[in-house]
Protein backbone atom coordinates (compact mmCIF):
# COMPACT_ATOMS: atom_id res chain seq x y z
CA UNK A 1 71.13 101.41 193.29
CA UNK A 2 72.10 101.60 189.70
CA UNK A 3 69.58 101.89 186.97
CA UNK A 4 69.93 99.85 183.79
CA UNK A 5 68.46 101.29 180.59
CA UNK A 6 66.42 98.70 178.81
CA UNK A 7 65.69 99.36 175.10
CA UNK A 8 62.26 98.88 173.74
CA UNK A 9 62.71 95.87 171.38
CA UNK A 10 60.10 97.10 168.90
CA UNK A 11 61.52 100.64 168.74
CA UNK A 12 65.08 99.28 168.37
CA UNK A 13 64.04 97.01 165.49
CA UNK A 14 62.30 99.89 163.71
CA UNK A 15 65.33 102.12 164.19
CA UNK A 16 67.66 99.53 162.77
CA UNK A 17 65.39 98.92 159.80
CA UNK A 18 65.19 102.63 159.14
CA UNK A 19 68.99 102.98 159.28
CA UNK A 20 69.42 100.01 156.94
CA UNK A 21 66.85 101.38 154.53
CA UNK A 22 68.46 104.81 154.55
CA UNK A 23 71.90 103.29 154.05
CA UNK A 24 70.65 101.11 151.20
CA UNK A 25 68.98 104.10 149.59
CA UNK A 26 72.16 106.16 149.81
CA UNK A 27 74.23 103.29 148.41
CA UNK A 28 71.74 102.88 145.58
CA UNK A 29 71.93 106.59 144.77
CA UNK A 30 75.69 106.52 144.92
CA UNK A 31 75.92 103.46 142.69
CA UNK A 32 73.53 105.08 140.23
CA UNK A 33 75.57 108.24 140.26
CA UNK A 34 78.75 106.26 139.69
CA UNK A 35 77.11 104.31 136.90
CA UNK A 36 75.92 107.50 135.27
CA UNK A 37 79.35 109.03 135.63
CA UNK A 38 80.98 105.90 134.28
CA UNK A 39 78.51 105.71 131.43
CA UNK A 40 79.04 109.33 130.43
CA UNK A 41 82.79 108.83 130.56
CA UNK A 42 82.61 105.84 128.24
CA UNK A 43 79.81 107.08 125.99
CA UNK A 44 81.01 107.75 122.43
CA UNK A 45 81.39 111.31 121.20
CA UNK A 46 79.82 112.55 118.00
CA UNK A 47 81.98 113.94 115.21
CA UNK A 48 80.29 116.07 112.55
CA UNK A 49 82.00 116.37 109.15
CA UNK A 50 82.85 118.53 107.37
CA UNK A 51 83.91 120.88 110.14
CA UNK A 52 82.57 123.82 108.19
CA UNK A 53 79.68 125.67 109.76
CA UNK A 54 79.61 129.04 107.97
CA UNK A 55 77.31 129.03 104.96
CA UNK A 56 75.82 131.44 102.44
CA UNK A 57 72.07 131.74 101.79
CA UNK A 58 70.93 129.07 99.36
CA UNK A 59 73.98 126.90 100.01
CA UNK A 60 73.54 123.21 100.70
CA UNK A 61 75.88 120.98 102.64
CA UNK A 62 75.87 117.34 103.62
CA UNK A 63 76.92 116.67 107.21
CA UNK A 64 78.06 113.17 108.14
CA UNK A 65 77.99 112.07 111.79
CA UNK A 66 80.47 109.61 113.24
CA UNK A 67 80.88 108.09 116.68
CA UNK A 68 84.29 107.79 118.27
CA UNK A 69 85.29 106.51 121.70
CA UNK A 70 85.35 109.29 124.27
CA UNK A 71 88.84 110.72 124.72
CA UNK A 72 90.19 109.38 121.43
CA UNK A 73 91.82 111.66 118.88
CA UNK A 74 89.55 113.64 116.55
CA UNK A 75 88.97 112.01 113.19
CA UNK A 76 88.33 113.47 109.79
CA UNK A 77 87.51 110.35 107.81
CA UNK A 78 84.36 109.09 106.12
CA UNK A 79 82.64 106.44 108.20
CA UNK A 80 83.12 103.63 105.73
CA UNK A 81 86.91 103.64 106.04
CA UNK A 82 87.14 103.63 109.82
CA UNK A 83 87.84 100.61 111.96
CA UNK A 84 86.42 100.81 115.46
CA UNK A 85 84.28 103.86 114.76
CA UNK A 86 80.55 103.63 114.29
CA UNK A 87 78.01 105.22 112.03
CA UNK A 88 75.19 106.08 114.42
CA UNK A 89 71.53 106.36 113.57
CA UNK A 90 71.12 110.05 114.39
CA UNK A 91 68.29 112.53 114.65
CA UNK A 92 68.63 116.24 113.91
CA UNK A 93 66.93 119.30 115.29
CA UNK A 94 67.37 122.90 114.13
CA UNK A 95 66.57 125.49 116.77
CA UNK A 96 65.71 128.09 114.12
CA UNK A 97 64.61 126.44 110.86
CA UNK A 98 64.18 129.86 109.29
CA UNK A 99 67.99 130.15 109.23
CA UNK A 100 68.93 126.58 108.27
CA UNK A 101 66.66 123.68 107.36
CA UNK A 102 67.10 119.95 106.97
CA UNK A 103 65.99 118.95 103.48
CA UNK A 104 67.12 115.33 103.23
CA UNK A 105 67.84 113.21 106.33
CA UNK A 106 70.23 110.30 105.86
CA UNK A 107 71.05 107.23 107.94
CA UNK A 108 74.14 108.80 109.52
CA UNK A 109 73.85 112.40 108.37
CA UNK A 110 71.72 114.79 106.42
CA UNK A 111 71.60 117.44 103.70
CA UNK A 112 71.01 120.97 104.98
CA UNK A 113 70.21 124.24 103.25
CA UNK A 114 71.03 127.74 104.46
CA UNK A 115 67.98 130.00 104.18
CA UNK A 116 68.89 133.50 105.33
CA UNK A 117 71.58 135.34 107.35
CA UNK A 118 71.70 134.60 111.05
CA UNK A 119 72.89 131.84 113.34
CA UNK A 120 71.24 128.83 114.85
CA UNK A 121 72.13 125.59 116.57
CA UNK A 122 72.21 122.18 114.97
CA UNK A 123 71.40 119.52 117.56
CA UNK A 124 72.60 116.02 116.73
CA UNK A 125 71.23 113.18 118.84
CA UNK A 126 72.34 109.55 118.82
CA UNK A 127 71.05 106.86 121.19
CA UNK A 128 73.79 107.56 123.78
CA UNK A 129 75.20 110.95 122.80
CA UNK A 130 74.27 114.48 121.84
CA UNK A 131 76.20 117.25 120.08
CA UNK A 132 75.27 120.91 119.57
CA UNK A 133 76.90 122.97 116.84
CA UNK A 134 76.41 126.60 115.94
CA UNK A 135 75.80 127.14 112.23
CA UNK A 136 76.12 130.69 110.88
CA UNK A 137 74.67 131.96 107.62
CA UNK A 138 76.34 135.09 106.27
CA UNK A 139 76.56 137.31 103.21
CA UNK A 140 74.62 137.22 99.95
CA UNK A 141 73.55 134.08 98.15
CA UNK A 142 76.26 132.46 96.05
CA UNK A 143 75.46 131.35 92.49
CA UNK A 144 75.66 127.60 91.80
CA UNK A 145 78.47 126.33 89.64
CA UNK A 146 76.96 124.87 86.47
CA UNK A 147 79.16 121.90 85.60
CA UNK A 148 79.54 119.62 82.60
CA UNK A 149 80.90 116.03 82.47
CA UNK A 150 84.61 115.80 81.73
CA UNK A 151 83.86 113.61 78.69
CA UNK A 152 82.19 116.59 76.98
CA UNK A 153 85.24 118.87 77.29
CA UNK A 154 87.56 118.19 74.36
CA UNK A 155 90.26 120.81 74.82
CA UNK A 156 91.46 123.58 77.10
CA UNK A 157 93.86 126.01 75.47
CA UNK A 158 95.64 128.62 77.59
CA UNK A 159 99.02 130.13 78.24
CA UNK A 160 98.73 129.43 81.97
CA UNK A 161 96.14 126.96 83.24
CA UNK A 162 95.16 126.47 86.88
CA UNK A 163 93.45 123.19 87.76
CA UNK A 164 91.56 123.21 91.08
CA UNK A 165 90.73 119.66 92.09
CA UNK A 166 87.79 118.94 94.39
CA UNK A 167 86.62 122.55 94.20
CA UNK A 168 83.53 121.42 96.08
CA UNK A 169 83.16 118.91 98.88
CA UNK A 170 84.09 115.78 96.98
CA UNK A 171 87.50 115.30 98.55
CA UNK A 172 88.64 114.40 102.02
CA UNK A 173 89.93 117.76 103.19
CA UNK A 174 87.11 117.95 105.72
CA UNK A 175 88.85 120.55 107.87
CA UNK A 176 89.68 122.66 104.80
CA UNK A 177 93.41 122.96 105.54
CA UNK A 178 94.15 123.76 101.88
CA UNK A 179 91.23 126.14 101.33
CA UNK A 180 93.07 129.41 102.22
CA UNK A 181 95.93 128.56 99.86
CA UNK A 182 93.55 127.58 97.08
CA UNK A 183 91.48 130.74 97.48
CA UNK A 184 94.60 132.92 97.31
CA UNK A 185 95.87 131.05 94.28
CA UNK A 186 92.58 131.40 92.40
CA UNK A 187 92.48 135.12 93.18
CA UNK A 188 96.05 135.54 91.94
CA UNK A 189 95.37 133.47 88.81
CA UNK A 190 92.40 135.59 87.85
CA UNK A 191 94.33 138.79 88.49
CA UNK A 192 97.07 137.59 86.13
CA UNK A 193 94.69 136.44 83.43
CA UNK A 194 95.18 132.69 83.83
CA UNK A 195 92.54 130.20 82.75
CA UNK A 196 90.93 128.54 85.78
CA UNK A 197 89.30 125.09 85.64
CA UNK A 198 87.46 123.49 88.57
CA UNK A 199 86.90 119.78 88.99
CA UNK A 200 83.72 119.17 90.99
CA UNK A 201 81.36 116.35 91.84
CA UNK A 202 77.65 116.15 91.23
CA UNK A 203 77.13 114.40 94.53
CA UNK A 204 78.19 117.16 96.91
CA UNK A 205 77.35 120.84 97.33
CA UNK A 206 79.86 123.47 96.38
CA UNK A 207 80.99 125.16 99.58
CA UNK A 208 84.76 124.64 99.32
CA UNK A 209 86.11 127.44 97.13
CA UNK A 210 85.36 131.08 97.86
CA UNK A 211 85.35 131.87 94.14
CA UNK A 212 82.39 130.52 92.14
CA UNK A 213 83.27 131.83 88.69
CA UNK A 214 85.91 129.63 87.02
CA UNK A 215 86.35 129.49 83.26
CA UNK A 216 85.52 125.77 83.32
CA UNK A 217 83.54 123.72 85.83
CA UNK A 218 84.04 120.04 85.04
CA UNK A 219 82.45 117.02 86.70
CA UNK A 220 85.14 114.50 87.59
CA UNK A 221 85.00 112.43 90.78
CA UNK A 222 88.71 111.66 90.97
CA UNK A 223 90.17 114.29 88.62
CA UNK A 224 90.22 111.72 85.82
CA UNK A 225 89.86 113.18 82.33
CA UNK A 226 91.01 112.90 78.73
CA UNK A 227 90.93 116.61 77.96
CA UNK A 228 93.50 117.84 75.51
CA UNK A 229 95.43 120.52 77.37
CA UNK A 230 97.41 123.05 75.34
CA UNK A 231 99.25 125.31 77.78
CA UNK A 232 102.75 126.60 78.45
CA UNK A 233 102.36 126.04 82.19
CA UNK A 234 99.86 123.92 84.11
CA UNK A 235 99.33 124.54 87.82
CA UNK A 236 97.77 121.77 89.92
CA UNK A 237 96.05 122.49 93.21
CA UNK A 238 93.38 120.91 95.38
CA UNK A 239 93.16 117.20 96.01
CA UNK A 240 95.47 114.74 97.68
CA UNK A 241 99.05 114.95 96.46
CA UNK A 242 99.50 111.18 96.08
CA UNK A 243 96.06 110.36 94.72
CA UNK A 244 93.67 112.69 92.88
CA UNK A 245 96.16 115.50 92.21
CA UNK A 246 98.58 112.89 90.93
CA UNK A 247 95.89 111.34 88.71
CA UNK A 248 95.15 114.75 87.16
CA UNK A 249 98.86 115.22 86.45
CA UNK A 250 98.99 111.74 84.89
CA UNK A 251 96.02 112.37 82.62
CA UNK A 252 97.15 115.85 81.62
CA UNK A 253 100.70 114.72 80.89
CA UNK A 254 99.52 111.73 78.86
CA UNK A 255 97.33 113.91 76.64
CA UNK A 256 99.95 116.62 76.16
CA UNK A 257 102.58 114.13 75.00
CA UNK A 258 100.35 111.90 72.89
CA UNK A 259 98.00 114.41 71.32
CA UNK A 260 99.90 117.70 71.33
CA UNK A 261 103.31 116.24 70.53
CA UNK A 262 104.89 118.98 72.63
CA UNK A 263 108.57 118.84 73.57
CA UNK A 264 108.66 121.00 76.70
CA UNK A 265 106.14 120.74 79.53
CA UNK A 266 106.06 122.67 82.81
CA UNK A 267 103.95 121.44 85.73
CA UNK A 268 103.72 123.53 88.90
CA UNK A 269 102.56 122.26 92.29
CA UNK A 270 101.97 125.07 94.84
CA UNK A 271 102.60 123.24 98.10
CA UNK A 272 100.49 125.56 100.25
CA UNK A 273 97.35 124.66 98.25
CA UNK A 274 97.58 120.85 98.10
CA UNK A 275 96.60 118.54 100.92
CA UNK A 276 98.19 115.23 101.81
CA UNK A 277 96.91 112.18 103.65
CA UNK A 278 98.86 112.19 106.91
CA UNK A 279 100.33 108.69 106.55
CA UNK A 280 104.03 109.43 106.10
CA UNK A 281 104.92 111.19 109.32
CA UNK A 282 106.39 109.56 112.43
CA UNK A 283 103.81 107.39 114.10
CA UNK A 284 101.19 107.96 111.39
CA UNK A 285 99.94 104.47 110.55
CA UNK A 286 96.42 105.27 109.40
CA UNK A 287 95.07 104.12 106.07
CA UNK A 288 94.06 106.57 103.41
CA UNK A 289 92.07 108.72 103.65
CA UNK A 290 93.52 109.95 106.91
CA UNK A 291 93.48 113.42 108.49
CA UNK A 292 94.82 115.90 105.98
CA UNK A 293 97.76 118.28 106.21
CA UNK A 294 99.38 120.65 103.74
CA UNK A 295 102.11 119.54 101.41
CA UNK A 296 104.26 122.29 102.95
CA UNK A 297 103.97 120.48 106.28
CA UNK A 298 105.11 117.24 104.72
CA UNK A 299 108.16 118.97 103.23
CA UNK A 300 108.90 120.70 106.54
CA UNK A 301 109.18 117.32 108.26
CA UNK A 302 112.31 116.62 106.23
CA UNK A 303 115.72 117.89 107.30
CA UNK A 304 116.60 119.50 103.96
CA UNK A 305 115.64 119.73 100.28
CA UNK A 306 117.59 116.60 99.39
CA UNK A 307 115.65 114.52 101.90
CA UNK A 308 112.36 116.11 100.84
CA UNK A 309 113.17 115.13 97.28
CA UNK A 310 114.03 111.57 98.26
CA UNK A 311 111.17 110.94 100.69
CA UNK A 312 108.34 112.94 99.13
CA UNK A 313 109.00 113.77 95.49
CA UNK A 314 110.50 110.46 94.36
CA UNK A 315 107.48 108.41 95.54
CA UNK A 316 105.21 110.91 93.78
CA UNK A 317 107.06 110.68 90.47
CA UNK A 318 107.50 106.92 90.67
CA UNK A 319 103.78 106.46 91.22
CA UNK A 320 102.84 108.98 88.54
CA UNK A 321 104.84 107.15 85.89
CA UNK A 322 104.55 103.48 86.86
CA UNK A 323 101.00 103.35 88.30
CA UNK A 324 98.93 104.66 85.42
CA UNK A 325 96.23 105.35 86.37
CA UNK A 326 96.75 105.57 90.11
CA UNK A 327 94.66 103.05 92.08
CA UNK A 328 93.47 101.63 88.75
CA UNK A 329 90.88 104.36 88.31
CA UNK A 330 89.43 104.90 85.80
CA UNK A 331 89.32 101.37 84.53
CA UNK A 332 89.63 102.47 80.89
CA UNK A 333 92.65 104.82 80.81
CA UNK A 334 94.03 106.05 77.50
CA UNK A 335 96.72 103.94 75.86
CA UNK A 336 99.65 103.43 75.80
CA UNK A 337 100.87 103.45 79.43
CA UNK A 338 102.42 106.72 80.55
CA UNK A 339 105.73 104.98 81.23
CA UNK A 340 105.98 104.13 77.54
CA UNK A 341 105.26 107.69 76.43
CA UNK A 342 107.94 109.03 78.81
CA UNK A 343 110.68 106.46 78.18
CA UNK A 344 112.98 108.92 76.34
CA UNK A 345 112.00 112.13 78.16
CA UNK A 346 114.14 114.10 80.60
CA UNK A 347 112.33 114.92 83.87
CA UNK A 348 113.69 117.68 86.11
CA UNK A 349 112.48 118.62 89.61
CA UNK A 350 112.83 122.14 90.97
CA UNK A 351 112.19 123.48 94.50
CA UNK A 352 111.66 127.20 93.96
CA UNK A 353 115.00 128.78 93.14
CA UNK A 354 117.18 126.85 95.58
CA UNK A 355 117.22 123.21 94.51
CA UNK A 356 117.10 121.31 91.21
CA UNK A 357 117.56 117.61 90.51
CA UNK A 358 117.30 115.44 87.39
CA UNK A 359 114.86 112.62 88.08
CA UNK A 360 115.35 110.93 84.73
CA UNK A 361 117.78 111.79 81.96
CA UNK A 362 116.70 111.29 78.36
CA UNK A 363 116.44 113.38 75.23
CA UNK A 364 117.45 116.96 76.12
CA UNK A 365 114.95 118.28 73.57
CA UNK A 366 112.03 116.60 75.35
CA UNK A 367 111.71 117.79 78.93
CA UNK A 368 109.19 117.81 81.74
CA UNK A 369 109.89 120.37 84.47
CA UNK A 370 108.14 119.58 87.74
CA UNK A 371 108.28 122.62 90.00
CA UNK A 372 107.22 122.91 93.64
CA UNK A 373 106.44 126.41 94.83
CA UNK A 374 105.97 127.66 98.37
CA UNK A 375 108.07 124.87 99.88
């Protein structure tokens, strides 16, 4: 006789319910895990600018925090010019406030002050993201640069004059690509007895240049000025080649021709110490200000000196002469237009010792030599 196993209905029902509950619980955990994983993959990343985290005691710096979609390319732009990138409402924490302290929190950033040598972590928290950055404080305290408005400086007289634009953090070179070249140039200028003038902004702290002892420290947001410059050679560095550096060259040239009545002018642009908005290279379609690169890099993208002249120098000179002042700033430029002052001048371009081209031919006794060094 065969025996048939008969299940207990109550026990079977309980067992099934338990299996269903366990399965549902596991599915719920798995779906939560997947949601968490998916959320972390899509959560925006925090970008902290400037990307400069080594300070001196007493130095202040304003960090701006941006959100960018996870996996997108790093950005180096102020929040207000970005499309598709957010300005998060962030909170800061300093693990060791005896090294660095927050002195003025902002909506999407904050002003920090270095207190004493050491290192600590800056913790940046947004609603959906967190970023930790190590900030190091080194060396002795640096003296502040006491600056005066450009309107109070009437004249700068020198044999050789070095202009350093945006000598503090009032430009867009947030990754400091031009800083090494600028620092070397300032050191060389001082060694050779040149006069050194910094353009700075009142709004930002002065971390950018290593040297803090120029002959002149002048407040000018966009390198605009009406200073009478009397010099045999003027060297322009710091700032964007097609914007603020160009504006300084415009203003300086205008004053030298109109007020000095000189007949020979030499302007030098050291390419390793000038940054450029990366909008001219292949595939670079971003609006200014975009991530910065050195002017040497822009020249290197061209096949030879002739192409560099045509694609880089000609737009610079055309803008310098015909768009006075560049971008219409300042609104009250000196008169007459620069194009009128230059209508009978000869303008020559030189690349080191290997290439020279006449941009405009005029009176041979009235010349502007525009020289690019380090190309």
